Amino acid sequence: MLNRKDDKKVIGFDAYEEGAVIEGLNKIRTEQIEKGECAEFVSDLMLKVIRAPTRKVRMRDESR
């Protein structure tokens, strides 16, 4: 559990995983809209994932 307000978690996704997360959030958002519920939180979260900066990462050679 996060103790302080400024603590954040960083998760790395490849392109496939990012697409799956966005698709899942969009499905939840659509369901909430169809039920007449507020979907603003899910929309904001989708935008956060879409706009997240990209970093190049060096992959370790696991065969060593």
PDB file of N, CA and C in Angstrom:
ATOM      1  N   MET A   1       0.846  -1.180   0.000  1.00  0.00           N
ATOM      2  CA  MET A   1       0.000   0.000   0.000  1.00  0.00           C
ATOM      3  C   MET A   1       0.884   1.234   0.000  1.00  0.00           C
ATOM      4  N   LEU A   2       0.487   2.237  -0.736  1.00  0.00           N
ATOM      5  CA  LEU A   2       1.257   3.468  -0.813  1.00  0.00           C
ATOM      6  C   LEU A   2       1.031   4.296   0.438  1.00  0.00           C
ATOM      7  N   ASN A   3       2.113   4.762   1.008  1.00  0.00           N
ATOM      8  CA  ASN A   3       2.016   5.492   2.264  1.00  0.00           C
ATOM      9  C   ASN A   3       1.894   6.993   2.074  1.00  0.00           C
ATOM     10  N   ARG A   4       2.587   7.533   1.096  1.00  0.00           N
ATOM     11  CA  ARG A   4       2.578   8.976   0.916  1.00  0.00           C
ATOM     12  C   ARG A   4       1.849   9.341  -0.363  1.00  0.00           C
ATOM     13  N   LYS A   5       1.366  10.552  -0.388  1.00  0.00           N
ATOM     14  CA  LYS A   5       0.585  11.014  -1.531  1.00  0.00           C
ATOM     15  C   LYS A   5       1.407  11.044  -2.817  1.00  0.00           C
ATOM     16  N   ASP A   6       2.718  11.289  -2.725  1.00  0.00           N
ATOM     17  CA  ASP A   6       3.534  11.422  -3.919  1.00  0.00           C
ATOM     18  C   ASP A   6       4.149  10.105  -4.392  1.00  0.00           C
ATOM     19  N   ASP A   7       3.880   8.982  -3.716  1.00  0.00           N
ATOM     20  CA  ASP A   7       4.384   7.688  -4.157  1.00  0.00           C
ATOM     21  C   ASP A   7       3.634   7.263  -5.421  1.00  0.00           C
ATOM     22  N   LYS A   8       4.383   6.700  -6.368  1.00  0.00           N
ATOM     23  CA  LYS A   8       3.777   6.224  -7.607  1.00  0.00           C
ATOM     24  C   LYS A   8       4.364   4.872  -7.951  1.00  0.00           C
ATOM     25  N   LYS A   9       3.635   4.128  -8.731  1.00  0.00           N
ATOM     26  CA  LYS A   9       4.123   2.853  -9.245  1.00  0.00           C
ATOM     27  C   LYS A   9       4.374   3.010 -10.745  1.00  0.00           C
ATOM     28  N   VAL A  10       5.428   2.367 -11.217  1.00  0.00           N
ATOM     29  CA  VAL A  10       5.772   2.416 -12.628  1.00  0.00           C
ATOM     30  C   VAL A  10       5.693   0.990 -13.164  1.00  0.00           C
ATOM     31  N   ILE A  11       4.963   0.828 -14.254  1.00  0.00           N
ATOM     32  CA  ILE A  11       4.786  -0.489 -14.857  1.00  0.00           C
ATOM     33  C   ILE A  11       5.248  -0.405 -16.303  1.00  0.00           C
ATOM     34  N   GLY A  12       5.989  -1.388 -16.747  1.00  0.00           N
ATOM     35  CA  GLY A  12       6.440  -1.422 -18.129  1.00  0.00           C
ATOM     36  C   GLY A  12       5.574  -2.354 -18.962  1.00  0.00           C
ATOM     37  N   PHE A  13       5.106  -1.854 -20.101  1.00  0.00           N
ATOM     38  CA  PHE A  13       4.296  -2.653 -21.026  1.00  0.00           C
ATOM     39  C   PHE A  13       4.994  -2.710 -22.374  1.00  0.00           C
ATOM     40  N   ASP A  14       4.887  -3.847 -23.062  1.00  0.00           N
ATOM     41  CA  ASP A  14       5.264  -3.843 -24.467  1.00  0.00           C
ATOM     42  C   ASP A  14       4.022  -3.395 -25.244  1.00  0.00           C
ATOM     43  N   ALA A  15       4.135  -3.276 -26.549  1.00  0.00           N
ATOM     44  CA  ALA A  15       3.024  -2.743 -27.354  1.00  0.00           C
ATOM     45  C   ALA A  15       1.766  -3.602 -27.230  1.00  0.00           C
ATOM     46  N   TYR A  16       1.931  -4.918 -27.199  1.00  0.00           N
ATOM     47  CA  TYR A  16       0.775  -5.815 -27.087  1.00  0.00           C
ATOM     48  C   TYR A  16       0.065  -5.619 -25.746  1.00  0.00           C
ATOM     49  N   GLU A  17       0.835  -5.566 -24.664  1.00  0.00           N
ATOM     50  CA  GLU A  17       0.256  -5.398 -23.329  1.00  0.00           C
ATOM     51  C   GLU A  17      -0.445  -4.049 -23.195  1.00  0.00           C
ATOM     52  N   GLU A  18       0.174  -3.013 -23.739  1.00  0.00           N
ATOM     53  CA  GLU A  18      -0.447  -1.684 -23.688  1.00  0.00           C
ATOM     54  C   GLU A  18      -1.792  -1.693 -24.411  1.00  0.00           C
ATOM     55  N   GLY A  19      -1.831  -2.335 -25.566  1.00  0.00           N
ATOM     56  CA  GLY A  19      -3.082  -2.430 -26.313  1.00  0.00           C
ATOM     57  C   GLY A  19      -4.155  -3.182 -25.541  1.00  0.00           C
ATOM     58  N   ALA A  20      -3.749  -4.254 -24.861  1.00  0.00           N
ATOM     59  CA  ALA A  20      -4.702  -5.042 -24.078  1.00  0.00           C
ATOM     60  C   ALA A  20      -5.257  -4.232 -22.912  1.00  0.00           C
ATOM     61  N   VAL A  21      -4.403  -3.444 -22.259  1.00  0.00           N
ATOM     62  CA  VAL A  21      -4.851  -2.610 -21.136  1.00  0.00           C
ATOM     63  C   VAL A  21      -5.838  -1.554 -21.623  1.00  0.00           C
ATOM     64  N   ILE A  22      -5.496  -0.886 -22.724  1.00  0.00           N
ATOM     65  CA  ILE A  22      -6.373   0.152 -23.272  1.00  0.00           C
ATOM     66  C   ILE A  22      -7.701  -0.449 -23.713  1.00  0.00           C
ATOM     67  N   GLU A  23      -7.654  -1.615 -24.355  1.00  0.00           N
ATOM     68  CA  GLU A  23      -8.888  -2.276 -24.792  1.00  0.00           C
ATOM     69  C   GLU A  23      -9.766  -2.650 -23.597  1.00  0.00           C
ATOM     70  N   GLY A  24      -9.149  -3.164 -22.539  1.00  0.00           N
ATOM     71  CA  GLY A  24      -9.905  -3.522 -21.342  1.00  0.00           C
ATOM     72  C   GLY A  24     -10.536  -2.309 -20.671  1.00  0.00           C
ATOM     73  N   LEU A  25      -9.767  -1.228 -20.565  1.00  0.00           N
ATOM     74  CA  LEU A  25     -10.303  -0.001 -19.969  1.00  0.00           C
ATOM     75  C   LEU A  25     -11.442   0.560 -20.820  1.00  0.00           C
ATOM     76  N   ASN A  26     -11.291   0.487 -22.140  1.00  0.00           N
ATOM     77  CA  ASN A  26     -12.346   0.988 -23.022  1.00  0.00           C
ATOM     78  C   ASN A  26     -13.629   0.165 -22.864  1.00  0.00           C
ATOM     79  N   LYS A  27     -13.476  -1.140 -22.668  1.00  0.00           N
ATOM     80  CA  LYS A  27     -14.652  -2.000 -22.457  1.00  0.00           C
ATOM     81  C   LYS A  27     -15.367  -1.604 -21.159  1.00  0.00           C
ATOM     82  N   ILE A  28     -14.597  -1.395 -20.090  1.00  0.00           N
ATOM     83  CA  ILE A  28     -15.183  -0.974 -18.809  1.00  0.00           C
ATOM     84  C   ILE A  28     -15.876   0.377 -18.965  1.00  0.00           C
ATOM     85  N   ARG A  29     -15.216   1.298 -19.669  1.00  0.00           N
ATOM     86  CA  ARG A  29     -15.773   2.637 -19.887  1.00  0.00           C
ATOM     87  C   ARG A  29     -17.101   2.556 -20.640  1.00  0.00           C
ATOM     88  N   THR A  30     -17.134   1.738 -21.692  1.00  0.00           N
ATOM     89  CA  THR A  30     -18.355   1.571 -22.488  1.00  0.00           C
ATOM     90  C   THR A  30     -19.486   0.993 -21.642  1.00  0.00           C
ATOM     91  N   GLU A  31     -19.173  -0.004 -20.823  1.00  0.00           N
ATOM     92  CA  GLU A  31     -20.187  -0.610 -19.956  1.00  0.00           C
ATOM     93  C   GLU A  31     -20.746   0.408 -18.963  1.00  0.00           C
ATOM     94  N   GLN A  32     -19.875   1.236 -18.406  1.00  0.00           N
ATOM     95  CA  GLN A  32     -20.339   2.247 -17.450  1.00  0.00           C
ATOM     96  C   GLN A  32     -21.234   3.270 -18.139  1.00  0.00           C
ATOM     97  N   ILE A  33     -20.873   3.683 -19.331  1.00  0.00           N
ATOM     98  CA  ILE A  33     -21.684   4.651 -20.068  1.00  0.00           C
ATOM     99  C   ILE A  33     -23.052   4.051 -20.389  1.00  0.00           C
ATOM    100  N   GLU A  34     -23.076   2.778 -20.813  1.00  0.00           N
ATOM    101  CA  GLU A  34     -24.345   2.122 -21.139  1.00  0.00           C
ATOM    102  C   GLU A  34     -25.252   2.005 -19.917  1.00  0.00           C
ATOM    103  N   LYS A  35     -24.657   1.856 -18.726  1.00  0.00           N
ATOM    104  CA  LYS A  35     -25.437   1.775 -17.490  1.00  0.00           C
ATOM    105  C   LYS A  35     -25.827   3.151 -16.971  1.00  0.00           C
ATOM    106  N   GLY A  36     -25.322   4.193 -17.604  1.00  0.00           N
ATOM    107  CA  GLY A  36     -25.622   5.547 -17.162  1.00  0.00           C
ATOM    108  C   GLY A  36     -24.754   5.993 -15.997  1.00  0.00           C
ATOM    109  N   GLU A  37     -23.674   5.260 -15.741  1.00  0.00           N
ATOM    110  CA  GLU A  37     -22.768   5.599 -14.646  1.00  0.00           C
ATOM    111  C   GLU A  37     -21.653   6.521 -15.145  1.00  0.00           C
ATOM    112  N   CYS A  38     -20.986   7.169 -14.222  1.00  0.00           N
ATOM    113  CA  CYS A  38     -19.883   8.073 -14.556  1.00  0.00           C
ATOM    114  C   CYS A  38     -18.673   7.253 -15.009  1.00  0.00           C
ATOM    115  N   ALA A  39     -18.122   7.620 -16.147  1.00  0.00           N
ATOM    116  CA  ALA A  39     -16.964   6.912 -16.690  1.00  0.00           C
ATOM    117  C   ALA A  39     -15.742   7.822 -16.755  1.00  0.00           C
ATOM    118  N   GLU A  40     -15.815   8.968 -16.089  1.00  0.00           N
ATOM    119  CA  GLU A  40     -14.730   9.943 -16.168  1.00  0.00           C
ATOM    120  C   GLU A  40     -13.406   9.384 -15.629  1.00  0.00           C
ATOM    121  N   PHE A  41     -13.458   8.649 -14.521  1.00  0.00           N
ATOM    122  CA  PHE A  41     -12.239   8.095 -13.936  1.00  0.00           C
ATOM    123  C   PHE A  41     -11.557   7.140 -14.917  1.00  0.00           C
ATOM    124  N   VAL A  42     -12.334   6.273 -15.556  1.00  0.00           N
ATOM    125  CA  VAL A  42     -11.770   5.307 -16.497  1.00  0.00           C
ATOM    126  C   VAL A  42     -11.220   6.035 -17.722  1.00  0.00           C
ATOM    127  N   SER A  43     -11.914   7.052 -18.182  1.00  0.00           N
ATOM    128  CA  SER A  43     -11.430   7.836 -19.319  1.00  0.00           C
ATOM    129  C   SER A  43     -10.102   8.508 -18.990  1.00  0.00           C
ATOM    130  N   ASP A  44     -10.004   9.062 -17.798  1.00  0.00           N
ATOM    131  CA  ASP A  44      -8.759   9.704 -17.374  1.00  0.00           C
ATOM    132  C   ASP A  44      -7.625   8.690 -17.289  1.00  0.00           C
ATOM    133  N   LEU A  45      -7.931   7.506 -16.786  1.00  0.00           N
ATOM    134  CA  LEU A  45      -6.921   6.459 -16.681  1.00  0.00           C
ATOM    135  C   LEU A  45      -6.461   5.994 -18.064  1.00  0.00           C
ATOM    136  N   MET A  46      -7.392   5.870 -18.998  1.00  0.00           N
ATOM    137  CA  MET A  46      -7.029   5.512 -20.372  1.00  0.00           C
ATOM    138  C   MET A  46      -6.074   6.536 -20.968  1.00  0.00           C
ATOM    139  N   LEU A  47      -6.391   7.802 -20.794  1.00  0.00           N
ATOM    140  CA  LEU A  47      -5.526   8.854 -21.323  1.00  0.00           C
ATOM    141  C   LEU A  47      -4.153   8.824 -20.673  1.00  0.00           C
ATOM    142  N   LYS A  48      -4.106   8.506 -19.401  1.00  0.00           N
ATOM    143  CA  LYS A  48      -2.834   8.423 -18.700  1.00  0.00           C
ATOM    144  C   LYS A  48      -1.959   7.319 -19.306  1.00  0.00           C
ATOM    145  N   VAL A  49      -2.558   6.185 -19.607  1.00  0.00           N
ATOM    146  CA  VAL A  49      -1.819   5.077 -20.216  1.00  0.00           C
ATOM    147  C   VAL A  49      -1.371   5.455 -21.629  1.00  0.00           C
ATOM    148  N   ILE A  50      -2.273   6.054 -22.401  1.00  0.00           N
ATOM    149  CA  ILE A  50      -1.955   6.418 -23.783  1.00  0.00           C
ATOM    150  C   ILE A  50      -0.845   7.467 -23.848  1.00  0.00           C
ATOM    151  N   ARG A  51      -0.875   8.434 -22.939  1.00  0.00           N
ATOM    152  CA  ARG A  51       0.089   9.544 -22.968  1.00  0.00           C
ATOM    153  C   ARG A  51       1.372   9.266 -22.185  1.00  0.00           C
ATOM    154  N   ALA A  52       1.484   8.111 -21.561  1.00  0.00           N
ATOM    155  CA  ALA A  52       2.668   7.803 -20.755  1.00  0.00           C
ATOM    156  C   ALA A  52       3.919   7.845 -21.629  1.00  0.00           C
ATOM    157  N   PRO A  53       4.997   8.427 -21.101  1.00  0.00           N
ATOM    158  CA  PRO A  53       6.225   8.514 -21.892  1.00  0.00           C
ATOM    159  C   PRO A  53       6.807   7.131 -22.173  1.00  0.00           C
ATOM    160  N   THR A  54       7.501   7.024 -23.272  1.00  0.00           N
ATOM    161  CA  THR A  54       8.138   5.773 -23.677  1.00  0.00           C
ATOM    162  C   THR A  54       9.625   5.862 -23.390  1.00  0.00           C
ATOM    163  N   ARG A  55      10.167   4.802 -22.849  1.00  0.00           N
ATOM    164  CA  ARG A  55      11.607   4.719 -22.601  1.00  0.00           C
ATOM    165  C   ARG A  55      12.153   3.480 -23.281  1.00  0.00           C
ATOM    166  N   LYS A  56      13.334   3.606 -23.818  1.00  0.00           N
ATOM    167  CA  LYS A  56      14.004   2.437 -24.375  1.00  0.00           C
ATOM    168  C   LYS A  56      14.702   1.712 -23.234  1.00  0.00           C
ATOM    169  N   VAL A  57      14.566   0.400 -23.225  1.00  0.00           N
ATOM    170  CA  VAL A  57      15.173  -0.393 -22.166  1.00  0.00           C
ATOM    171  C   VAL A  57      16.060  -1.445 -22.793  1.00  0.00           C
ATOM    172  N   ARG A  58      17.202  -1.653 -22.197  1.00  0.00           N
ATOM    173  CA  ARG A  58      18.080  -2.700 -22.680  1.00  0.00           C
ATOM    174  C   ARG A  58      17.648  -4.006 -22.058  1.00  0.00           C
ATOM    175  N   MET A  59      17.506  -5.006 -22.893  1.00  0.00           N
ATOM    176  CA  MET A  59      17.085  -6.320 -22.418  1.00  0.00           C
ATOM    177  C   MET A  59      18.317  -7.139 -22.032  1.00  0.00           C
ATOM    178  N   ARG A  60      18.245  -7.802 -20.890  1.00  0.00           N
ATOM    179  CA  ARG A  60      19.333  -8.671 -20.447  1.00  0.00           C
ATOM    180  C   ARG A  60      19.288  -9.968 -21.228  1.00  0.00           C
ATOM    181  N   ASP A  61      20.446 -10.493 -21.483  1.00  0.00           N
ATOM    182  CA  ASP A  61      20.545 -11.799 -22.146  1.00  0.00           C
ATOM    183  C   ASP A  61      20.350 -12.867 -21.082  1.00  0.00           C
ATOM    184  N   GLU A  62      19.206 -13.524 -21.088  1.00  0.00           N
ATOM    185  CA  GLU A  62      18.859 -14.512 -20.068  1.00  0.00           C
ATOM    186  C   GLU A  62      19.640 -15.818 -20.234  1.00  0.00           C
ATOM    187  N   SER A  63      20.309 -16.038 -21.386  1.00  0.00           N
ATOM    188  CA  SER A  63      20.999 -17.296 -21.609  1.00  0.00           C
ATOM    189  C   SER A  63      22.353 -17.348 -20.902  1.00  0.00           C
ATOM    190  N   ARG A  64      22.824 -16.254 -20.346  1.00  0.00           N
ATOM    191  CA  ARG A  64      24.130 -16.253 -19.672  1.00  0.00           C
ATOM    192  C   ARG A  64      24.051 -16.914 -18.330  1.00  0.00           C
TER     193      ARG A  64
END
